[in-house]
Amino acid sequence: MIRFPPQWIETRRIETRRIAAWILAAIGLLGGARLAWGDEAEDRAAALAAVRAAAAGRDLKGIKAKFAEAEKLRGEEKYDAELNRLGELLQYLDQFWKAVDRGAATAQGNLELKIGEDIVAVAEFDGNSLTLREEGKNRRYTLASVPSRVCLALAEQVLKPGDGVNQVIFGTFHLLDAKGDRRLAKQYFEAAAKAKVDVAPLMAEFEIGPSIPAIEIEIPTLTPAQKLALSEKNWQVQAIGADASKKPIEGVLSQDQEGRLKAKIPASAGAADSLVAISPKRLFAGNFQFAAIVVGLKENHTLRLTAGQDSGYTAPLPKGTVKIELVRQGAKVACRINGVEVELKEFGKVRPQLVTTLSIGAPIGSEFTIAAVEWTTR
């Protein structure tokens, strides 16, 4: 048996401890780098979303401020490419709103506009609000509320509709604006391409879902009936998809002193990548109107109108404070989020007047508050 001197053994122990310390330090540094990278990725995604939300909400000052903030995060190839594309689109959008402004000033008091089958006249324009004379009545609009068809008609007073670059300008408005029509946007871009305008670098923006602008939402004082509707005993939490079971998940909901319903979904509620549905226990049949204000939403929350797990409608919800309005009349379901009409995505075999559950789909670990809710059925 070979025997090593005690001094040699002690030296090797010290070296082993040093190597272990170096390895642990390296792991810590790599872990910190991953966390920092994850934070940067989230910051960049949030910055792009903020720019698009400002454009969707016609916040012309906010667009410039949000884009300037996004510029500070440059340094990652994919992000930089997306920001460059968005920046080019915003230049076209700026030209559109300048044309609307000039068109309204030109049309004020002396020009009738044909919009579809309607004839309107610009009765007054002060740079901030627009008053149109329609069917013998004056209707006043702010920048945020002017219908998209009116914006387009005013811009066309300045920008020649048949010009290829102008087609891109009109298409960009429809692409980025919350009241725009993406089907029309694509038609404008296709017309521009036929006119030899290179729109290929911009087409990837159609793969980004429509943005919903942030709006100021007043949180109402709850009535006794609303407090009762928000009582946790009248709501349920269930898993979605493969993790679904008929047994509700307990310990997620609580009602605060004001009567708001607070949801806190613990890690024990399911796998890290799973979702749960938070819904009133009542079912919605026939015609109904539903409205809710939800506070503190993060990423990956959805509005769900479903019949069991196999069919229904969904719509993504933006971050922050969100106002949800949902109406079913006959076979038609309409949804507005933050005052903007959104398209509900169907899945499964959707049947008119199906008996449905109305819920918020939420990821594991999320927290939010349902601050107000009301519904009527007929």
Protein backbone atom coordinates (compact mmCIF):
# COMPACT_ATOMS: atom_id res chain seq x y z
CA MET A 1 0.00 0.00 0.00
CA ILE A 2 1.37 3.40 -0.99
CA ARG A 3 1.44 6.02 1.78
CA PHE A 4 1.51 9.76 0.92
CA PRO A 5 3.13 12.25 3.26
CA PRO A 6 0.65 14.26 5.41
CA GLN A 7 1.94 17.56 3.93
CA TRP A 8 1.17 16.38 0.37
CA ILE A 9 -2.35 15.32 1.37
CA GLU A 10 -3.08 18.69 3.03
CA THR A 11 -1.78 20.57 -0.02
CA ARG A 12 -4.12 18.59 -2.30
CA ARG A 13 -7.06 19.31 0.02
CA ILE A 14 -6.40 23.04 -0.17
CA GLU A 15 -6.13 22.91 -3.98
CA THR A 16 -9.34 20.90 -4.21
CA ARG A 17 -11.18 23.46 -2.09
CA ARG A 18 -9.85 26.27 -4.31
CA ILE A 19 -10.97 24.52 -7.48
CA ALA A 20 -14.41 23.90 -5.98
CA ALA A 21 -14.66 27.56 -5.00
CA TRP A 22 -13.71 28.62 -8.53
CA ILE A 23 -16.33 26.29 -10.02
CA LEU A 24 -19.05 27.60 -7.69
CA ALA A 25 -18.09 31.18 -8.46
CA ALA A 26 -18.21 30.46 -12.20
CA ILE A 27 -21.63 28.84 -11.84
CA GLY A 28 -22.80 31.88 -9.92
CA LEU A 29 -21.52 34.22 -12.59
CA LEU A 30 -23.15 32.21 -15.36
CA GLY A 31 -26.40 32.06 -13.42
CA GLY A 32 -26.28 35.81 -12.90
CA ALA A 33 -25.59 36.30 -16.59
CA ARG A 34 -28.60 34.19 -17.46
CA LEU A 35 -30.78 36.19 -15.08
CA ALA A 36 -29.47 39.45 -16.48
CA TRP A 37 -30.05 38.22 -20.03
CA GLY A 38 -33.58 37.21 -19.08
CA ASP A 39 -34.24 40.65 -17.60
CA GLU A 40 -32.86 42.35 -20.72
CA ALA A 41 -35.02 40.19 -22.98
CA GLU A 42 -38.11 41.09 -20.95
CA ASP A 43 -37.16 44.78 -21.00
CA ARG A 44 -36.73 44.71 -24.77
CA ALA A 45 -40.05 42.93 -25.32
CA ALA A 46 -41.77 45.44 -23.03
CA ALA A 47 -40.13 48.37 -24.83
CA LEU A 48 -41.35 47.18 -28.24
CA ALA A 49 -44.83 46.53 -26.83
CA ALA A 50 -44.92 50.06 -25.37
CA VAL A 51 -44.04 51.62 -28.75
CA ARG A 52 -46.72 49.61 -30.51
CA ALA A 53 -49.31 50.40 -27.82
CA ALA A 54 -48.60 54.13 -28.21
CA ALA A 55 -49.02 53.85 -31.98
CA ALA A 56 -52.23 51.85 -31.58
CA GLY A 57 -53.62 54.46 -29.17
CA ARG A 58 -52.66 57.45 -31.38
CA ASP A 59 -50.43 58.82 -28.64
CA LEU A 60 -48.29 60.86 -31.01
CA LYS A 61 -46.03 62.32 -28.31
CA GLY A 62 -45.85 58.99 -26.55
CA ILE A 63 -44.68 57.23 -29.73
CA LYS A 64 -41.53 59.36 -29.86
CA ALA A 65 -40.86 59.03 -26.14
CA LYS A 66 -41.37 55.25 -26.11
CA PHE A 67 -39.22 54.78 -29.20
CA ALA A 68 -36.44 56.84 -27.61
CA GLU A 69 -36.58 54.55 -24.57
CA ALA A 70 -36.46 51.48 -26.81
CA GLU A 71 -33.38 52.88 -28.59
CA LYS A 72 -31.45 52.72 -25.30
CA LEU A 73 -31.75 48.92 -25.30
CA ARG A 74 -30.04 48.33 -28.63
CA GLY A 75 -27.29 45.73 -28.78
CA GLU A 76 -29.01 42.46 -29.67
CA GLU A 77 -29.27 41.61 -33.37
CA LYS A 78 -32.87 40.40 -33.51
CA TYR A 79 -34.11 43.25 -31.35
CA ASP A 80 -32.23 45.84 -33.37
CA ALA A 81 -33.71 44.50 -36.62
CA GLU A 82 -37.23 44.62 -35.21
CA LEU A 83 -36.71 48.11 -33.83
CA ASN A 84 -35.36 49.28 -37.20
CA ARG A 85 -38.45 47.90 -38.93
CA LEU A 86 -40.74 49.51 -36.41
CA GLY A 87 -38.87 52.79 -36.75
CA GLU A 88 -39.38 52.80 -40.52
CA LEU A 89 -43.09 52.10 -40.07
CA LEU A 90 -43.37 54.92 -37.55
CA GLN A 91 -41.94 57.33 -40.11
CA TYR A 92 -44.76 56.37 -42.48
CA LEU A 93 -47.27 56.68 -39.64
CA ASP A 94 -45.97 60.17 -38.82
CA GLN A 95 -46.53 61.18 -42.45
CA PHE A 96 -50.07 59.80 -42.23
CA TRP A 97 -51.03 61.85 -39.16
CA LYS A 98 -49.46 64.99 -40.62
CA ALA A 99 -51.59 64.43 -43.74
CA VAL A 100 -54.72 64.00 -41.59
CA ASP A 101 -53.92 67.27 -39.84
CA ARG A 102 -53.41 69.15 -43.12
CA GLY A 103 -56.44 67.49 -44.68
CA ALA A 104 -58.71 68.53 -41.80
CA ALA A 105 -57.42 72.10 -41.94
CA THR A 106 -57.96 72.20 -45.72
CA ALA A 107 -61.46 70.73 -45.54
CA GLN A 108 -62.69 72.90 -42.68
CA GLY A 109 -65.86 74.76 -43.55
CA ASN A 110 -65.67 74.44 -47.33
CA LEU A 111 -65.49 70.80 -48.35
CA GLU A 112 -67.76 67.78 -48.16
CA LEU A 113 -66.20 64.35 -47.88
CA LYS A 114 -67.73 61.17 -49.21
CA ILE A 115 -66.98 58.36 -46.80
CA GLY A 116 -68.48 55.15 -48.07
CA GLU A 117 -72.11 56.05 -48.76
CA ASP A 118 -72.10 58.96 -46.28
CA ILE A 119 -71.46 62.63 -46.96
CA VAL A 120 -69.85 64.60 -44.12
CA ALA A 121 -68.37 68.06 -43.75
CA VAL A 122 -65.64 69.31 -41.45
CA ALA A 123 -67.46 71.89 -39.34
CA GLU A 124 -64.55 72.73 -37.05
CA PHE A 125 -60.95 71.68 -36.50
CA ASP A 126 -58.65 73.17 -33.86
CA GLY A 127 -55.69 70.82 -34.07
CA ASN A 128 -56.88 68.73 -31.12
CA SER A 129 -60.51 67.99 -31.86
CA LEU A 130 -62.59 67.55 -34.99
CA THR A 131 -66.28 68.37 -35.42
CA LEU A 132 -68.04 66.74 -38.35
CA ARG A 133 -71.44 67.65 -39.74
CA GLU A 134 -73.23 64.35 -40.35
CA GLU A 135 -76.92 63.95 -41.20
CA GLY A 136 -77.66 67.46 -40.01
CA LYS A 137 -75.93 67.00 -36.66
CA ASN A 138 -72.53 68.00 -35.35
CA ARG A 139 -70.39 65.23 -33.86
CA ARG A 140 -67.21 66.06 -32.04
CA TYR A 141 -64.23 63.70 -32.02
CA THR A 142 -60.90 63.68 -30.26
CA LEU A 143 -57.84 62.28 -31.99
CA ALA A 144 -58.36 58.95 -30.22
CA SER A 145 -62.00 58.64 -31.24
CA VAL A 146 -61.99 59.72 -34.90
CA PRO A 147 -63.17 56.72 -36.98
CA SER A 148 -60.45 55.23 -39.17
CA ARG A 149 -62.47 55.82 -42.35
CA VAL A 150 -62.60 59.55 -41.53
CA CYS A 151 -58.84 59.65 -40.89
CA LEU A 152 -58.21 58.00 -44.24
CA ALA A 153 -60.56 60.36 -46.10
CA LEU A 154 -58.82 63.39 -44.60
CA ALA A 155 -55.35 62.04 -45.42
CA GLU A 156 -56.43 61.44 -49.00
CA GLN A 157 -57.12 65.17 -49.36
CA VAL A 158 -53.34 65.63 -49.20
CA LEU A 159 -51.83 62.32 -50.28
CA LYS A 160 -52.64 61.01 -53.76
CA PRO A 161 -54.27 57.58 -53.20
CA GLY A 162 -52.73 55.92 -56.27
CA ASP A 163 -49.12 56.71 -55.37
CA GLY A 164 -47.08 53.67 -54.27
CA VAL A 165 -45.42 55.32 -51.26
CA ASN A 166 -48.78 56.71 -50.16
CA GLN A 167 -50.17 53.19 -50.30
CA VAL A 168 -47.53 52.23 -47.72
CA ILE A 169 -48.52 55.23 -45.59
CA PHE A 170 -52.21 54.25 -45.65
CA GLY A 171 -51.36 50.61 -45.05
CA THR A 172 -49.12 51.45 -42.09
CA PHE A 173 -51.99 53.31 -40.43
CA HIS A 174 -54.28 50.31 -40.78
CA LEU A 175 -51.50 47.98 -39.62
CA LEU A 176 -50.55 49.82 -36.42
CA ASP A 177 -53.74 51.63 -35.39
CA ALA A 178 -56.11 50.00 -32.90
CA LYS A 179 -59.05 51.03 -35.09
CA GLY A 180 -57.33 49.94 -38.29
CA ASP A 181 -58.19 47.00 -40.52
CA ARG A 182 -55.27 44.60 -41.07
CA ARG A 183 -56.97 43.09 -44.11
CA LEU A 184 -56.97 46.52 -45.74
CA ALA A 185 -53.41 47.10 -44.55
CA LYS A 186 -52.22 44.05 -46.46
CA GLN A 187 -54.09 45.19 -49.58
CA TYR A 188 -52.36 48.57 -49.42
CA PHE A 189 -48.95 46.94 -49.02
CA GLU A 190 -49.62 44.59 -51.92
CA ALA A 191 -50.64 47.56 -54.09
CA ALA A 192 -47.44 49.35 -53.08
CA ALA A 193 -45.37 46.31 -54.06
CA LYS A 194 -47.02 46.29 -57.49
CA ALA A 195 -46.00 49.95 -57.79
CA LYS A 196 -42.36 48.84 -57.27
CA VAL A 197 -42.09 50.02 -53.65
CA ASP A 198 -39.94 47.62 -51.61
CA VAL A 199 -42.21 46.64 -48.72
CA ALA A 200 -40.68 43.19 -48.15
CA PRO A 201 -38.63 44.29 -45.09
CA LEU A 202 -41.83 45.56 -43.45
CA MET A 203 -44.08 42.53 -43.96
CA ALA A 204 -42.82 40.74 -40.84
CA GLU A 205 -44.85 43.26 -38.78
CA PHE A 206 -48.00 41.44 -39.88
CA GLU A 207 -46.79 38.47 -37.81
CA ILE A 208 -46.98 40.60 -34.65
CA GLY A 209 -50.43 40.55 -33.07
CA PRO A 210 -52.46 43.79 -32.98
CA SER A 211 -51.61 46.03 -30.03
CA ILE A 212 -54.19 47.27 -27.56
CA PRO A 213 -53.48 50.78 -26.26
CA ALA A 214 -53.26 51.52 -22.57
CA ILE A 215 -56.04 53.86 -21.43
CA GLU A 216 -56.94 55.62 -18.22
CA ILE A 217 -59.44 53.39 -16.44
CA GLU A 218 -61.33 54.64 -13.42
CA ILE A 219 -61.78 51.97 -10.75
CA PRO A 220 -65.36 52.37 -9.49
CA THR A 221 -66.60 52.13 -5.92
CA LEU A 222 -68.33 48.79 -5.61
CA THR A 223 -72.03 48.48 -4.93
CA PRO A 224 -73.26 45.78 -2.52
CA ALA A 225 -74.42 43.72 -5.51
CA GLN A 226 -70.97 43.97 -7.15
CA LYS A 227 -69.26 42.98 -3.90
CA LEU A 228 -71.46 39.91 -3.74
CA ALA A 229 -70.67 39.08 -7.38
CA LEU A 230 -66.94 39.28 -6.52
CA SER A 231 -67.16 37.07 -3.44
CA GLU A 232 -64.69 34.18 -3.76
CA LYS A 233 -67.50 31.72 -3.02
CA ASN A 234 -69.06 32.70 -6.36
CA TRP A 235 -65.87 32.03 -8.37
CA GLN A 236 -63.79 28.98 -9.18
CA VAL A 237 -60.29 28.08 -10.37
CA GLN A 238 -59.65 25.10 -12.63
CA ALA A 239 -56.75 23.79 -14.69
CA ILE A 240 -56.78 24.26 -18.47
CA GLY A 241 -55.86 21.70 -21.11
CA ALA A 242 -54.06 18.45 -20.34
CA ASP A 243 -53.95 19.27 -16.61
CA ALA A 244 -57.69 19.89 -16.50
CA SER A 245 -59.83 18.11 -13.96
CA LYS A 246 -63.29 18.74 -12.63
CA LYS A 247 -61.93 19.36 -9.16
CA PRO A 248 -61.45 23.13 -8.51
CA ILE A 249 -58.08 24.41 -7.29
CA GLU A 250 -58.43 25.82 -3.79
CA GLY A 251 -56.58 28.64 -2.00
CA VAL A 252 -56.18 30.93 -5.01
CA LEU A 253 -58.91 33.52 -4.44
CA SER A 254 -59.63 35.98 -1.64
CA GLN A 255 -61.71 39.13 -1.28
CA ASP A 256 -60.12 42.26 0.13
CA GLN A 257 -61.73 44.87 2.39
CA GLU A 258 -63.00 46.89 -0.56
CA GLY A 259 -64.66 43.83 -2.03
CA ARG A 260 -62.19 43.30 -4.92
CA LEU A 261 -61.40 39.70 -5.85
CA LYS A 262 -57.67 38.94 -5.57
CA ALA A 263 -56.11 35.99 -7.39
CA LYS A 264 -52.73 34.57 -6.39
CA ILE A 265 -51.86 31.35 -8.20
CA PRO A 266 -49.21 29.38 -6.29
CA ALA A 267 -46.58 27.13 -7.86
CA SER A 268 -48.37 24.14 -6.32
CA ALA A 269 -51.37 24.76 -8.58
CA GLY A 270 -49.70 22.97 -11.51
CA ALA A 271 -46.68 22.60 -13.75
CA ALA A 272 -44.66 25.76 -14.40
CA ASP A 273 -45.91 26.03 -18.00
CA SER A 274 -49.55 25.20 -17.25
CA LEU A 275 -52.55 27.54 -17.14
CA VAL A 276 -55.61 27.90 -14.95
CA ALA A 277 -59.01 29.46 -15.64
CA ILE A 278 -60.59 31.81 -13.10
CA SER A 279 -64.30 32.17 -13.71
CA PRO A 280 -67.68 32.91 -12.13
CA LYS A 281 -69.40 29.69 -11.11
CA ARG A 282 -72.47 30.63 -13.11
CA LEU A 283 -72.85 29.64 -16.75
CA PHE A 284 -73.81 32.07 -19.51
CA ALA A 285 -76.58 30.95 -21.86
CA GLY A 286 -78.39 32.92 -24.56
CA ASN A 287 -77.76 36.66 -24.91
CA PHE A 288 -75.66 38.43 -22.30
CA GLN A 289 -73.49 41.46 -21.58
CA PHE A 290 -70.39 41.17 -19.42
CA ALA A 291 -67.94 43.81 -18.22
CA ALA A 292 -64.94 43.62 -15.90
CA ILE A 293 -61.91 45.66 -14.83
CA VAL A 294 -58.79 43.63 -14.06
CA VAL A 295 -55.72 45.18 -12.40
CA GLY A 296 -52.12 43.98 -12.43
CA LEU A 297 -52.07 41.63 -15.41
CA LYS A 298 -48.67 40.42 -16.62
CA GLU A 299 -47.74 38.39 -19.70
CA ASN A 300 -49.78 35.50 -21.15
CA HIS A 301 -53.25 36.19 -19.78
CA THR A 302 -56.30 35.53 -21.95
CA LEU A 303 -60.02 36.09 -22.01
CA ARG A 304 -61.85 32.80 -22.54
CA LEU A 305 -65.45 32.06 -23.51
CA THR A 306 -65.66 28.29 -23.59
CA ALA A 307 -67.95 25.28 -23.63
CA GLY A 308 -66.01 22.71 -21.62
CA GLN A 309 -62.37 22.34 -22.67
CA ASP A 310 -63.01 21.61 -26.33
CA SER A 311 -64.51 24.70 -27.96
CA GLY A 312 -65.00 28.40 -27.58
CA TYR A 313 -63.30 31.74 -28.11
CA THR A 314 -60.13 33.32 -26.75
CA ALA A 315 -58.47 36.73 -26.93
CA PRO A 316 -55.11 37.83 -25.47
CA LEU A 317 -55.20 40.41 -22.69
CA PRO A 318 -52.65 43.24 -22.47
CA LYS A 319 -50.57 43.94 -19.39
CA GLY A 320 -51.59 46.38 -16.65
CA THR A 321 -55.12 47.53 -15.92
CA VAL A 322 -57.59 46.20 -18.47
CA LYS A 323 -61.26 46.88 -19.18
CA ILE A 324 -63.08 43.92 -20.73
CA GLU A 325 -66.48 44.17 -22.45
CA LEU A 326 -68.14 41.15 -24.01
CA VAL A 327 -71.56 40.90 -25.66
CA ARG A 328 -73.40 37.99 -27.22
CA GLN A 329 -76.48 38.77 -29.29
CA GLY A 330 -77.99 35.86 -31.16
CA ALA A 331 -75.19 34.01 -32.92
CA LYS A 332 -72.76 36.94 -32.76
CA VAL A 333 -70.15 37.48 -30.04
CA ALA A 334 -68.38 40.85 -29.87
CA CYS A 335 -65.51 41.84 -27.60
CA ARG A 336 -63.87 45.15 -26.69
CA ILE A 337 -60.69 45.44 -24.64
CA ASN A 338 -59.71 48.90 -23.42
CA GLY A 339 -62.39 50.30 -25.70
CA VAL A 340 -60.99 48.63 -28.82
CA GLU A 341 -62.86 45.95 -30.75
CA VAL A 342 -60.78 42.78 -30.83
CA GLU A 343 -61.15 39.64 -32.88
CA LEU A 344 -61.97 36.54 -30.88
CA LYS A 345 -60.10 33.44 -31.98
CA GLU A 346 -62.26 30.33 -32.31
CA PHE A 347 -61.13 26.85 -31.34
CA GLY A 348 -62.98 23.56 -31.59
CA LYS A 349 -66.48 23.42 -33.01
CA VAL A 350 -68.14 26.62 -31.86
CA ARG A 351 -71.95 26.53 -31.81
CA PRO A 352 -74.20 29.62 -31.70
CA GLN A 353 -75.80 30.21 -28.30
CA LEU A 354 -73.65 27.56 -26.64
CA VAL A 355 -73.81 27.43 -22.84
CA THR A 356 -70.48 28.85 -21.81
CA THR A 357 -68.06 29.58 -19.02
CA LEU A 358 -66.47 33.02 -19.09
CA SER A 359 -63.00 33.08 -17.55
CA ILE A 360 -59.55 34.62 -17.40
CA GLY A 361 -56.77 32.24 -18.37
CA ALA A 362 -53.69 32.81 -16.20
CA PRO A 363 -50.23 31.23 -15.88
CA ILE A 364 -48.92 29.59 -12.73
CA GLY A 365 -47.35 32.12 -10.36
CA SER A 366 -49.37 35.11 -11.56
CA GLU A 367 -51.21 37.58 -9.34
CA PHE A 368 -53.94 40.06 -10.27
CA THR A 369 -57.14 41.64 -8.98
CA ILE A 370 -60.61 41.64 -10.51
CA ALA A 371 -61.54 45.14 -9.39
CA ALA A 372 -65.08 45.30 -10.78
CA VAL A 373 -67.49 43.04 -12.60
CA GLU A 374 -71.09 43.13 -13.77
CA TRP A 375 -73.23 41.18 -16.19
CA THR A 376 -76.77 40.96 -17.46
CA THR A 377 -78.49 38.08 -19.23
CA ARG A 378 -81.62 37.93 -21.36
